Amino acid sequence: MANYSAIKYNFNLPTGTTNGSGNNIELIKTLTASSDGDLTFVDGASSVVLDATYKTYLFKFNNIHPQTDGVFFTCQFNAAGASGFNETVTTTFFQSYHKENNSSTEFAYSSGDDQAQGTDFIRLTATVGSDADQCASGEMYLFNPSSTTFIKHFMSEVCITQNGDSIMDLFVGGYVNTTAAIDEIQFKMSSGNIDSGTIKLYGIR
């Protein structure tokens, strides 16, 4: 059996530059929350973040801590020239969890967290706790967002400390149902601000 971890993370370490240093993966931008309503990667004349330079983009979520207890960490997209972060998406969502007190465990599909041709913000997690030591960390891949031929696939894995004192590992996959290029993405909690945390955007060659 192939080593999945080795395949998934078989990149040179990023240098933090985009100067063509020869690395497979390049850090493009870092957003840091401080009681912010959202963290948004937007296109612009002085800040192009999603374009045809890379076929695959990787978002790294580090210690995303909500101000409000029991809220979802979410995202949505804009096609080029669009606004509102309300593109049509279809997603799938499954989870595993283990209660802190060892009272229950689960590995299951969560039909209440997915979408079928919906325009709502996409749930990347279950309900994240707001205790001082609780947060969400993980990653999301976005594939070939500049294509004007194909729909846009994405997939994420995020580990959270749930507000019910469980460790949860959440897996989400889906597609943006448009052949227009995707050039903007917004991350936010389903309610309240992002108290702290960072999101790093990488381009993968």
Protein backbone atom coordinates (compact mmCIF):
# COMPACT_ATOMS: atom_id res chain seq x y z
CA MET A 1 0.00 0.00 0.00
CA ALA A 2 1.29 3.46 -0.88
CA ASN A 3 2.19 5.83 1.95
CA TYR A 4 -0.66 8.37 1.72
CA SER A 5 1.07 10.92 3.97
CA ALA A 6 4.19 10.81 1.84
CA ILE A 7 2.14 11.33 -1.30
CA LYS A 8 0.01 14.12 0.13
CA TYR A 9 2.88 16.12 1.59
CA ASN A 10 5.65 15.37 -0.91
CA PHE A 11 6.63 19.02 -1.38
CA ASN A 12 9.80 20.95 -0.70
CA LEU A 13 9.54 23.12 2.38
CA PRO A 14 8.18 26.60 1.53
CA THR A 15 10.57 29.52 1.72
CA GLY A 16 7.89 32.14 2.29
CA THR A 17 8.64 33.82 -1.03
CA THR A 18 7.19 33.72 -4.51
CA ASN A 19 10.36 34.65 -6.35
CA GLY A 20 10.69 31.47 -8.38
CA SER A 21 13.18 29.89 -5.98
CA GLY A 22 12.47 26.44 -7.41
CA ASN A 23 10.34 25.13 -4.56
CA ASN A 24 7.26 23.08 -5.35
CA ILE A 25 5.16 25.08 -2.90
CA GLU A 26 5.22 28.83 -2.34
CA LEU A 27 3.66 30.94 0.39
CA ILE A 28 1.48 33.59 -1.25
CA LYS A 29 -0.25 35.36 1.61
CA THR A 30 -0.97 35.15 5.35
CA LEU A 31 -4.10 36.57 6.99
CA THR A 32 -4.22 36.95 10.78
CA ALA A 33 -7.47 37.39 12.69
CA SER A 34 -7.96 39.78 15.58
CA SER A 35 -11.70 39.91 16.32
CA ASP A 36 -12.44 39.99 12.58
CA GLY A 37 -15.78 39.20 10.98
CA ASP A 38 -14.02 37.32 8.18
CA LEU A 39 -10.68 36.55 6.57
CA THR A 40 -10.98 37.12 2.82
CA PHE A 41 -8.54 36.45 0.01
CA VAL A 42 -9.53 38.94 -2.68
CA ASP A 43 -8.24 39.68 -6.16
CA GLY A 44 -6.96 43.15 -7.01
CA ALA A 45 -4.44 45.11 -9.05
CA SER A 46 -1.88 45.00 -6.24
CA SER A 47 -2.82 41.65 -4.71
CA VAL A 48 -3.57 38.78 -7.06
CA VAL A 49 -3.97 35.65 -4.93
CA LEU A 50 -5.80 33.11 -7.12
CA ASP A 51 -4.80 33.01 -10.78
CA ALA A 52 -3.33 30.68 -13.40
CA THR A 53 0.14 30.74 -11.82
CA TYR A 54 -0.68 27.54 -9.91
CA LYS A 55 -3.00 24.63 -10.67
CA THR A 56 -3.48 23.82 -6.97
CA TYR A 57 -3.88 26.14 -4.00
CA LEU A 58 -3.56 25.14 -0.35
CA PHE A 59 -5.06 26.99 2.62
CA LYS A 60 -3.61 26.20 6.06
CA PHE A 61 -5.79 27.01 9.08
CA ASN A 62 -3.86 27.53 12.32
CA ASN A 63 -5.64 27.80 15.69
CA ILE A 64 -8.85 29.42 14.43
CA HIS A 65 -10.54 30.53 17.65
CA PRO A 66 -14.15 31.80 17.58
CA GLN A 67 -15.53 34.51 19.85
CA THR A 68 -18.92 32.73 19.95
CA ASP A 69 -19.33 29.24 21.35
CA GLY A 70 -20.66 26.43 19.18
CA VAL A 71 -20.27 27.95 15.71
CA PHE A 72 -19.18 26.51 12.37
CA PHE A 73 -16.04 27.53 10.47
CA THR A 74 -17.19 28.20 6.90
CA CYS A 75 -16.14 29.46 3.47
CA GLN A 76 -17.58 30.60 0.15
CA PHE A 77 -16.29 31.69 -3.26
CA ASN A 78 -16.64 34.46 -5.83
CA ALA A 79 -16.29 33.87 -9.54
CA ALA A 80 -14.26 36.49 -11.39
CA GLY A 81 -16.24 39.72 -11.49
CA ALA A 82 -18.89 38.44 -9.07
CA SER A 83 -19.69 39.58 -5.53
CA GLY A 84 -21.62 38.30 -2.55
CA PHE A 85 -19.76 35.03 -1.95
CA ASN A 86 -22.74 32.91 -2.99
CA GLU A 87 -21.58 30.56 -5.73
CA THR A 88 -23.55 27.35 -6.28
CA VAL A 89 -21.85 24.39 -4.57
CA THR A 90 -22.43 20.71 -3.89
CA THR A 91 -20.57 19.22 -0.93
CA THR A 92 -20.14 16.04 1.09
CA PHE A 93 -19.33 15.96 4.82
CA PHE A 94 -18.25 13.18 7.15
CA GLN A 95 -16.77 13.18 10.61
CA SER A 96 -15.13 11.21 13.36
CA TYR A 97 -15.18 12.17 17.03
CA HIS A 98 -14.20 11.00 20.47
CA LYS A 99 -15.67 12.53 23.63
CA GLU A 100 -13.14 13.87 26.12
CA ASN A 101 -14.71 11.79 28.91
CA ASN A 102 -14.60 8.66 26.71
CA SER A 103 -18.41 8.35 26.84
CA SER A 104 -18.94 8.04 23.07
CA THR A 105 -17.27 7.84 19.67
CA GLU A 106 -18.51 8.06 16.09
CA PHE A 107 -17.48 7.85 12.47
CA ALA A 108 -20.35 8.90 10.21
CA TYR A 109 -21.66 10.87 7.27
CA SER A 110 -23.36 14.11 8.35
CA SER A 111 -26.24 14.84 5.97
CA GLY A 112 -27.23 17.99 7.85
CA ASP A 113 -23.91 19.65 7.10
CA ASP A 114 -23.71 19.15 3.32
CA GLN A 115 -25.25 21.06 0.41
CA ALA A 116 -26.80 20.03 -2.91
CA GLN A 117 -26.66 22.91 -5.38
CA GLY A 118 -26.80 25.43 -2.54
CA THR A 119 -25.41 28.94 -2.24
CA ASP A 120 -24.94 29.08 1.55
CA PHE A 121 -21.52 29.30 3.16
CA ILE A 122 -19.90 25.88 3.20
CA ARG A 123 -19.48 24.20 6.57
CA LEU A 124 -15.88 23.03 7.01
CA THR A 125 -16.39 21.97 10.63
CA ALA A 126 -18.90 20.98 13.24
CA THR A 127 -19.48 23.40 16.15
CA VAL A 128 -16.18 24.80 17.44
CA GLY A 129 -15.84 25.64 21.13
CA SER A 130 -14.87 29.10 22.36
CA ASP A 131 -13.10 28.08 25.58
CA ALA A 132 -9.67 29.68 25.85
CA ASP A 133 -7.93 26.46 24.78
CA GLN A 134 -10.35 25.47 21.97
CA CYS A 135 -9.84 26.10 18.25
CA ALA A 136 -9.87 24.64 14.73
CA SER A 137 -6.81 23.72 12.65
CA GLY A 138 -6.48 22.05 9.27
CA GLU A 139 -6.22 22.61 5.55
CA MET A 140 -8.17 22.95 2.32
CA TYR A 141 -7.12 22.31 -1.29
CA LEU A 142 -8.64 24.20 -4.23
CA PHE A 143 -7.93 22.76 -7.66
CA ASN A 144 -7.37 24.77 -10.85
CA PRO A 145 -9.57 27.76 -9.92
CA SER A 146 -8.60 29.67 -13.08
CA SER A 147 -10.04 27.06 -15.43
CA THR A 148 -12.83 28.31 -17.69
CA THR A 149 -13.61 24.75 -18.84
CA PHE A 150 -14.23 22.75 -15.68
CA ILE A 151 -16.10 23.07 -12.40
CA LYS A 152 -13.85 23.79 -9.38
CA HIS A 153 -13.14 20.97 -6.92
CA PHE A 154 -12.05 21.49 -3.32
CA MET A 155 -11.49 19.28 -0.29
CA SER A 156 -10.64 19.94 3.34
CA GLU A 157 -9.71 18.23 6.57
CA VAL A 158 -10.08 20.22 9.79
CA CYS A 159 -9.52 19.06 13.37
CA ILE A 160 -11.47 20.89 16.07
CA THR A 161 -12.13 20.94 19.77
CA GLN A 162 -15.91 20.82 19.72
CA ASN A 163 -18.01 22.87 22.13
CA GLY A 164 -19.30 19.60 23.63
CA ASP A 165 -15.72 18.73 24.66
CA SER A 166 -15.02 16.26 21.86
CA ILE A 167 -12.08 15.99 19.51
CA MET A 168 -13.50 15.95 15.99
CA ASP A 169 -11.88 15.37 12.60
CA LEU A 170 -14.05 16.72 9.75
CA PHE A 171 -13.69 15.85 6.06
CA VAL A 172 -15.41 17.96 3.40
CA GLY A 173 -15.26 17.64 -0.38
CA GLY A 174 -17.19 19.39 -3.09
CA TYR A 175 -17.25 21.52 -6.19
CA VAL A 176 -18.20 25.03 -7.22
CA ASN A 177 -20.64 24.52 -10.07
CA THR A 178 -19.32 27.14 -12.47
CA THR A 179 -16.91 27.14 -15.38
CA ALA A 180 -16.03 30.78 -14.64
CA ALA A 181 -12.67 31.35 -12.96
CA ILE A 182 -12.74 31.56 -9.16
CA ASP A 183 -10.56 34.40 -7.86
CA GLU A 184 -11.83 35.18 -4.33
CA ILE A 185 -12.61 33.16 -1.21
CA GLN A 186 -13.93 34.22 2.19
CA PHE A 187 -13.63 32.37 5.52
CA LYS A 188 -15.79 33.21 8.55
CA MET A 189 -17.61 31.71 11.50
CA SER A 190 -21.33 31.01 11.08
CA SER A 191 -21.96 33.60 13.81
CA GLY A 192 -19.71 36.10 15.56
CA ASN A 193 -16.11 37.03 14.84
CA ILE A 194 -12.91 35.07 14.42
CA ASP A 195 -11.18 36.00 17.66
CA SER A 196 -7.70 34.85 16.60
CA GLY A 197 -5.84 32.52 14.27
CA THR A 198 -4.10 32.59 10.90
CA ILE A 199 -4.81 31.33 7.41
CA LYS A 200 -1.86 30.82 5.09
CA LEU A 201 -2.33 30.50 1.33
CA TYR A 202 0.18 28.47 -0.70
CA GLY A 203 0.48 27.83 -4.41
CA ILE A 204 1.56 24.33 -5.47
CA ARG A 205 3.34 23.82 -8.79
